[in-house]
Amino acid sequence: GFGYTDGTADPWSPKVLRSGAGSQFATAIHPITEVAELSDRGLQLVASVTRGGEDPSALKEGAYALLIGEEASGLSDGMIAICDRSVTIPMAGGSESLNAAVAAGILVYEVSRRA
C-alpha cells in the first residue's frame, strides 16, 4: 500500500486519478499523521538521501516504508535520524540528485522486484 501525509498530493484528486487510471482502487492508500505509524505496522523506515546511503539493491526481502524528500531540500535531518536505514541511488556523471517522483519510482521498482 501507499501512505501520504498532509501537504502532499491528494491521491484522490482528479489529476492523480487520471494519471493512475484507476490503480488507486487496487492499491491500499492510507493517510499517515506520524511516521511512527509505519514502524508500528512492521515496516522498516528507509530514507532516500543524495549521498552516503546503501545501494538500493541492498533492500532485499522485507517490508519497507520508503521516505522520499522534496527535490530542493530532501528529508530533514530529524526524519533521516528516525529511519532504520538510508539508501542512495548511484548517479553517473557527477549528477547530484533526481526528481522526487523519479527517485521514488526507482526505489519502488527495486523493492517490488524482490517481492
N, C-alpha and C. Protein backbone atom coordinates (compact mmCIF):
# COMPACT_ATOMS: atom_id res chain seq x y z
N GLY A 1 0.81 -1.17 0.00
CA GLY A 1 0.00 0.00 0.00
C GLY A 1 0.86 1.24 0.00
N PHE A 2 0.24 2.37 -0.04
CA PHE A 2 0.92 3.65 -0.05
C PHE A 2 0.36 4.54 1.04
N GLY A 3 1.22 5.35 1.60
CA GLY A 3 0.78 6.32 2.59
C GLY A 3 1.10 7.72 2.09
N TYR A 4 0.42 8.68 2.67
CA TYR A 4 0.69 10.06 2.32
C TYR A 4 0.47 10.93 3.54
N THR A 5 1.10 12.07 3.56
CA THR A 5 0.98 12.99 4.69
C THR A 5 0.33 14.29 4.23
N ASP A 6 -0.08 15.10 5.22
CA ASP A 6 -0.61 16.42 4.90
C ASP A 6 0.43 17.20 4.10
N GLY A 7 -0.03 17.98 3.16
CA GLY A 7 0.87 18.81 2.37
C GLY A 7 1.40 18.13 1.13
N THR A 8 1.04 16.86 0.92
CA THR A 8 1.46 16.17 -0.30
C THR A 8 0.28 16.10 -1.26
N ALA A 9 0.50 15.57 -2.44
CA ALA A 9 -0.58 15.46 -3.43
C ALA A 9 -1.71 14.61 -2.88
N ASP A 10 -2.92 15.04 -3.12
CA ASP A 10 -4.11 14.28 -2.72
C ASP A 10 -4.25 13.08 -3.66
N PRO A 11 -4.19 11.85 -3.12
CA PRO A 11 -4.25 10.68 -4.01
C PRO A 11 -5.59 10.52 -4.71
N TRP A 12 -6.59 11.30 -4.33
CA TRP A 12 -7.91 11.21 -4.95
C TRP A 12 -8.24 12.44 -5.80
N SER A 13 -7.26 13.33 -6.03
CA SER A 13 -7.52 14.49 -6.86
C SER A 13 -7.75 14.05 -8.31
N PRO A 14 -8.48 14.82 -9.08
CA PRO A 14 -8.76 14.42 -10.47
C PRO A 14 -7.50 14.15 -11.30
N LYS A 15 -6.46 14.98 -11.15
CA LYS A 15 -5.23 14.76 -11.92
C LYS A 15 -4.57 13.44 -11.54
N VAL A 16 -4.52 13.16 -10.25
CA VAL A 16 -3.90 11.91 -9.80
C VAL A 16 -4.71 10.71 -10.26
N LEU A 17 -6.02 10.80 -10.16
CA LEU A 17 -6.86 9.70 -10.62
C LEU A 17 -6.68 9.43 -12.11
N ARG A 18 -6.61 10.51 -12.91
CA ARG A 18 -6.40 10.32 -14.35
C ARG A 18 -5.06 9.67 -14.63
N SER A 19 -4.01 10.11 -13.94
CA SER A 19 -2.69 9.56 -14.21
C SER A 19 -2.58 8.12 -13.72
N GLY A 20 -3.29 7.78 -12.68
CA GLY A 20 -3.26 6.42 -12.16
C GLY A 20 -4.20 5.47 -12.88
N ALA A 21 -5.11 6.03 -13.66
CA ALA A 21 -6.07 5.25 -14.46
C ALA A 21 -6.74 4.15 -13.64
N GLY A 22 -7.11 4.48 -12.41
CA GLY A 22 -7.88 3.53 -11.61
C GLY A 22 -7.07 2.63 -10.71
N SER A 23 -5.74 2.71 -10.77
CA SER A 23 -4.94 1.81 -9.93
C SER A 23 -5.15 2.08 -8.44
N GLN A 24 -5.67 3.28 -8.09
CA GLN A 24 -5.94 3.58 -6.68
C GLN A 24 -6.92 2.58 -6.09
N PHE A 25 -7.81 2.05 -6.91
CA PHE A 25 -8.81 1.12 -6.40
C PHE A 25 -8.24 -0.27 -6.15
N ALA A 26 -7.05 -0.54 -6.67
CA ALA A 26 -6.39 -1.84 -6.46
C ALA A 26 -5.24 -1.74 -5.48
N THR A 27 -4.98 -0.55 -4.95
CA THR A 27 -3.86 -0.32 -4.05
C THR A 27 -4.37 0.28 -2.76
N ALA A 28 -3.86 -0.22 -1.64
CA ALA A 28 -4.23 0.35 -0.35
C ALA A 28 -3.54 1.70 -0.18
N ILE A 29 -4.32 2.74 0.10
CA ILE A 29 -3.79 4.08 0.30
C ILE A 29 -4.27 4.55 1.67
N HIS A 30 -3.32 4.96 2.52
CA HIS A 30 -3.65 5.33 3.89
C HIS A 30 -3.10 6.70 4.24
N PRO A 31 -3.91 7.56 4.87
CA PRO A 31 -3.33 8.81 5.37
C PRO A 31 -2.45 8.51 6.59
N ILE A 32 -1.35 9.21 6.70
CA ILE A 32 -0.41 9.00 7.80
C ILE A 32 -0.18 10.33 8.50
N THR A 33 -0.38 10.35 9.81
CA THR A 33 -0.15 11.59 10.55
C THR A 33 1.20 11.59 11.23
N GLU A 34 1.73 10.44 11.55
CA GLU A 34 3.05 10.32 12.19
C GLU A 34 3.82 9.20 11.52
N VAL A 35 5.08 9.42 11.25
CA VAL A 35 5.91 8.39 10.62
C VAL A 35 6.00 7.15 11.49
N ALA A 36 5.89 7.32 12.80
CA ALA A 36 5.94 6.17 13.72
C ALA A 36 4.85 5.15 13.40
N GLU A 37 3.75 5.59 12.80
CA GLU A 37 2.69 4.66 12.42
C GLU A 37 3.22 3.58 11.47
N LEU A 38 4.16 3.95 10.63
CA LEU A 38 4.72 3.00 9.68
C LEU A 38 5.52 1.92 10.40
N SER A 39 6.31 2.32 11.38
CA SER A 39 7.06 1.35 12.19
C SER A 39 6.10 0.45 12.95
N ASP A 40 5.03 1.05 13.47
CA ASP A 40 4.03 0.28 14.21
C ASP A 40 3.38 -0.78 13.34
N ARG A 41 3.37 -0.57 12.04
CA ARG A 41 2.81 -1.54 11.09
C ARG A 41 3.84 -2.59 10.68
N GLY A 42 5.03 -2.53 11.27
CA GLY A 42 6.06 -3.51 10.99
C GLY A 42 6.93 -3.19 9.80
N LEU A 43 6.92 -1.96 9.35
CA LEU A 43 7.73 -1.57 8.20
C LEU A 43 9.06 -0.99 8.65
N GLN A 44 10.12 -1.30 7.92
CA GLN A 44 11.42 -0.66 8.14
C GLN A 44 11.37 0.69 7.46
N LEU A 45 11.78 1.73 8.16
CA LEU A 45 11.81 3.07 7.57
C LEU A 45 13.11 3.24 6.80
N VAL A 46 13.00 3.59 5.53
CA VAL A 46 14.16 3.77 4.65
C VAL A 46 14.15 5.19 4.10
N ALA A 47 15.16 5.96 4.44
CA ALA A 47 15.30 7.33 3.95
C ALA A 47 16.05 7.33 2.63
N SER A 48 15.57 8.10 1.67
CA SER A 48 16.34 8.32 0.45
C SER A 48 17.19 9.56 0.67
N VAL A 49 18.49 9.41 0.44
CA VAL A 49 19.44 10.51 0.66
C VAL A 49 20.33 10.64 -0.57
N THR A 50 20.84 11.85 -0.81
CA THR A 50 21.64 12.07 -2.02
C THR A 50 23.03 11.46 -1.95
N ARG A 51 23.53 11.23 -0.74
CA ARG A 51 24.85 10.59 -0.62
C ARG A 51 24.96 9.90 0.73
N GLY A 52 25.79 8.85 0.75
CA GLY A 52 26.11 8.17 2.00
C GLY A 52 25.21 7.03 2.38
N GLY A 53 24.17 6.76 1.60
CA GLY A 53 23.27 5.64 1.91
C GLY A 53 23.72 4.36 1.22
N GLU A 54 23.06 3.28 1.55
CA GLU A 54 23.32 2.00 0.90
C GLU A 54 22.83 2.04 -0.54
N ASP A 55 23.34 1.15 -1.36
CA ASP A 55 22.83 0.97 -2.71
C ASP A 55 21.40 0.41 -2.57
N PRO A 56 20.45 0.86 -3.37
CA PRO A 56 19.09 0.34 -3.27
C PRO A 56 18.98 -1.17 -3.44
N SER A 57 19.93 -1.78 -4.12
CA SER A 57 19.89 -3.24 -4.28
C SER A 57 20.05 -3.96 -2.95
N ALA A 58 20.50 -3.25 -1.91
CA ALA A 58 20.62 -3.85 -0.58
C ALA A 58 19.26 -4.08 0.07
N LEU A 59 18.21 -3.51 -0.48
CA LEU A 59 16.87 -3.71 0.06
C LEU A 59 16.36 -5.05 -0.42
N LYS A 60 16.67 -6.06 0.35
CA LYS A 60 16.28 -7.42 -0.01
C LYS A 60 14.87 -7.67 0.49
N GLU A 61 14.59 -8.88 0.90
CA GLU A 61 13.26 -9.21 1.38
C GLU A 61 12.94 -8.43 2.64
N GLY A 62 11.71 -8.08 2.77
CA GLY A 62 11.27 -7.33 3.93
C GLY A 62 10.19 -6.35 3.53
N ALA A 63 9.63 -5.73 4.52
CA ALA A 63 8.58 -4.73 4.30
C ALA A 63 9.17 -3.36 4.62
N TYR A 64 9.10 -2.45 3.67
CA TYR A 64 9.74 -1.15 3.79
C TYR A 64 8.74 -0.01 3.62
N ALA A 65 9.03 1.08 4.28
CA ALA A 65 8.39 2.36 4.02
C ALA A 65 9.48 3.25 3.45
N LEU A 66 9.36 3.62 2.19
CA LEU A 66 10.36 4.44 1.52
C LEU A 66 9.99 5.90 1.72
N LEU A 67 10.85 6.66 2.35
CA LEU A 67 10.60 8.07 2.60
C LEU A 67 11.40 8.88 1.57
N ILE A 68 10.69 9.69 0.81
CA ILE A 68 11.27 10.49 -0.26
C ILE A 68 11.06 11.95 0.09
N GLY A 69 12.12 12.73 0.10
CA GLY A 69 12.01 14.15 0.39
C GLY A 69 11.74 14.95 -0.86
N GLU A 70 11.49 16.23 -0.68
CA GLU A 70 11.27 17.10 -1.83
C GLU A 70 12.60 17.37 -2.54
N GLU A 71 12.52 17.78 -3.79
CA GLU A 71 13.73 17.97 -4.60
C GLU A 71 14.69 18.99 -4.00
N ALA A 72 14.19 20.10 -3.51
CA ALA A 72 15.05 21.19 -3.08
C ALA A 72 15.86 20.86 -1.83
N SER A 73 15.23 20.28 -0.84
CA SER A 73 15.93 20.09 0.43
C SER A 73 15.98 18.66 0.92
N GLY A 74 15.29 17.75 0.28
CA GLY A 74 15.30 16.36 0.73
C GLY A 74 14.61 16.19 2.07
N LEU A 75 14.85 15.06 2.69
CA LEU A 75 14.29 14.80 4.02
C LEU A 75 15.05 15.60 5.07
N SER A 76 14.38 15.96 6.13
CA SER A 76 15.05 16.68 7.21
C SER A 76 16.02 15.75 7.93
N ASP A 77 17.02 16.32 8.59
CA ASP A 77 17.97 15.51 9.36
C ASP A 77 17.24 14.70 10.42
N GLY A 78 16.22 15.31 11.04
CA GLY A 78 15.44 14.60 12.06
C GLY A 78 14.72 13.40 11.50
N MET A 79 14.16 13.54 10.29
CA MET A 79 13.44 12.44 9.66
C MET A 79 14.43 11.32 9.30
N ILE A 80 15.59 11.69 8.78
CA ILE A 80 16.59 10.69 8.43
C ILE A 80 17.04 9.94 9.69
N ALA A 81 17.18 10.66 10.80
CA ALA A 81 17.66 10.06 12.05
C ALA A 81 16.71 8.99 12.59
N ILE A 82 15.41 9.14 12.36
CA ILE A 82 14.48 8.13 12.90
C ILE A 82 14.34 6.92 11.99
N CYS A 83 14.94 6.99 10.79
CA CYS A 83 14.84 5.86 9.87
C CYS A 83 15.79 4.73 10.28
N ASP A 84 15.41 3.52 9.90
CA ASP A 84 16.22 2.34 10.19
C ASP A 84 17.46 2.27 9.31
N ARG A 85 17.36 2.80 8.11
CA ARG A 85 18.47 2.80 7.17
C ARG A 85 18.23 3.85 6.11
N SER A 86 19.26 4.08 5.29
CA SER A 86 19.12 5.04 4.20
C SER A 86 19.70 4.43 2.93
N VAL A 87 19.18 4.90 1.80
CA VAL A 87 19.66 4.45 0.50
C VAL A 87 19.97 5.65 -0.38
N THR A 88 20.95 5.45 -1.26
CA THR A 88 21.33 6.47 -2.23
C THR A 88 21.34 5.82 -3.60
N ILE A 89 20.65 6.41 -4.54
CA ILE A 89 20.64 5.90 -5.91
C ILE A 89 21.96 6.32 -6.56
N PRO A 90 22.75 5.36 -7.05
CA PRO A 90 24.03 5.72 -7.69
C PRO A 90 23.77 6.63 -8.89
N MET A 91 24.56 7.69 -8.99
CA MET A 91 24.39 8.65 -10.08
C MET A 91 25.68 8.72 -10.90
N ALA A 92 25.54 8.60 -12.19
CA ALA A 92 26.70 8.69 -13.08
C ALA A 92 26.92 10.14 -13.50
N GLY A 93 28.14 10.46 -13.85
CA GLY A 93 28.45 11.75 -14.44
C GLY A 93 28.38 12.93 -13.51
N GLY A 94 28.48 12.72 -12.22
CA GLY A 94 28.51 13.83 -11.29
C GLY A 94 27.17 14.45 -10.95
N SER A 95 26.06 13.87 -11.43
CA SER A 95 24.74 14.39 -11.06
C SER A 95 24.53 14.19 -9.58
N GLU A 96 23.84 15.14 -8.96
CA GLU A 96 23.66 15.07 -7.52
C GLU A 96 22.38 14.35 -7.12
N SER A 97 21.28 14.61 -7.81
CA SER A 97 20.02 14.01 -7.39
C SER A 97 19.04 13.93 -8.54
N LEU A 98 17.93 13.28 -8.26
CA LEU A 98 16.86 13.09 -9.24
C LEU A 98 15.60 13.81 -8.78
N ASN A 99 14.70 14.01 -9.68
CA ASN A 99 13.35 14.45 -9.35
C ASN A 99 12.78 13.47 -8.33
N ALA A 100 12.01 13.95 -7.37
CA ALA A 100 11.48 13.08 -6.30
C ALA A 100 10.64 11.93 -6.86
N ALA A 101 9.83 12.21 -7.87
CA ALA A 101 8.99 11.15 -8.44
C ALA A 101 9.83 10.08 -9.13
N VAL A 102 10.88 10.50 -9.82
CA VAL A 102 11.76 9.55 -10.49
C VAL A 102 12.49 8.70 -9.45
N ALA A 103 13.01 9.33 -8.41
CA ALA A 103 13.70 8.59 -7.35
C ALA A 103 12.75 7.60 -6.70
N ALA A 104 11.52 8.03 -6.42
CA ALA A 104 10.54 7.13 -5.82
C ALA A 104 10.27 5.94 -6.74
N GLY A 105 10.13 6.20 -8.03
CA GLY A 105 9.88 5.11 -8.98
C GLY A 105 11.01 4.09 -9.01
N ILE A 106 12.24 4.57 -8.99
CA ILE A 106 13.39 3.66 -8.99
C ILE A 106 13.41 2.82 -7.72
N LEU A 107 13.19 3.46 -6.59
CA LEU A 107 13.23 2.73 -5.31
C LEU A 107 12.07 1.75 -5.18
N VAL A 108 10.89 2.13 -5.61
CA VAL A 108 9.75 1.20 -5.57
C VAL A 108 10.02 0.01 -6.46
N TYR A 109 10.60 0.26 -7.63
CA TYR A 109 10.96 -0.84 -8.53
C TYR A 109 11.94 -1.78 -7.85
N GLU A 110 12.98 -1.25 -7.24
CA GLU A 110 13.98 -2.08 -6.57
C GLU A 110 13.35 -2.98 -5.51
N VAL A 111 12.45 -2.40 -4.73
CA VAL A 111 11.80 -3.18 -3.68
C VAL A 111 10.80 -4.18 -4.26
N SER A 112 10.00 -3.75 -5.23
CA SER A 112 8.94 -4.61 -5.75
C SER A 112 9.45 -5.80 -6.55
N ARG A 113 10.61 -5.67 -7.17
CA ARG A 113 11.09 -6.80 -7.98
C ARG A 113 11.63 -7.92 -7.11
N ARG A 114 11.79 -7.69 -5.82
CA ARG A 114 12.23 -8.73 -4.91
C ARG A 114 11.07 -9.37 -4.17
N ALA A 115 9.89 -8.81 -4.34
CA ALA A 115 8.71 -9.31 -3.60
C ALA A 115 8.25 -10.65 -4.11
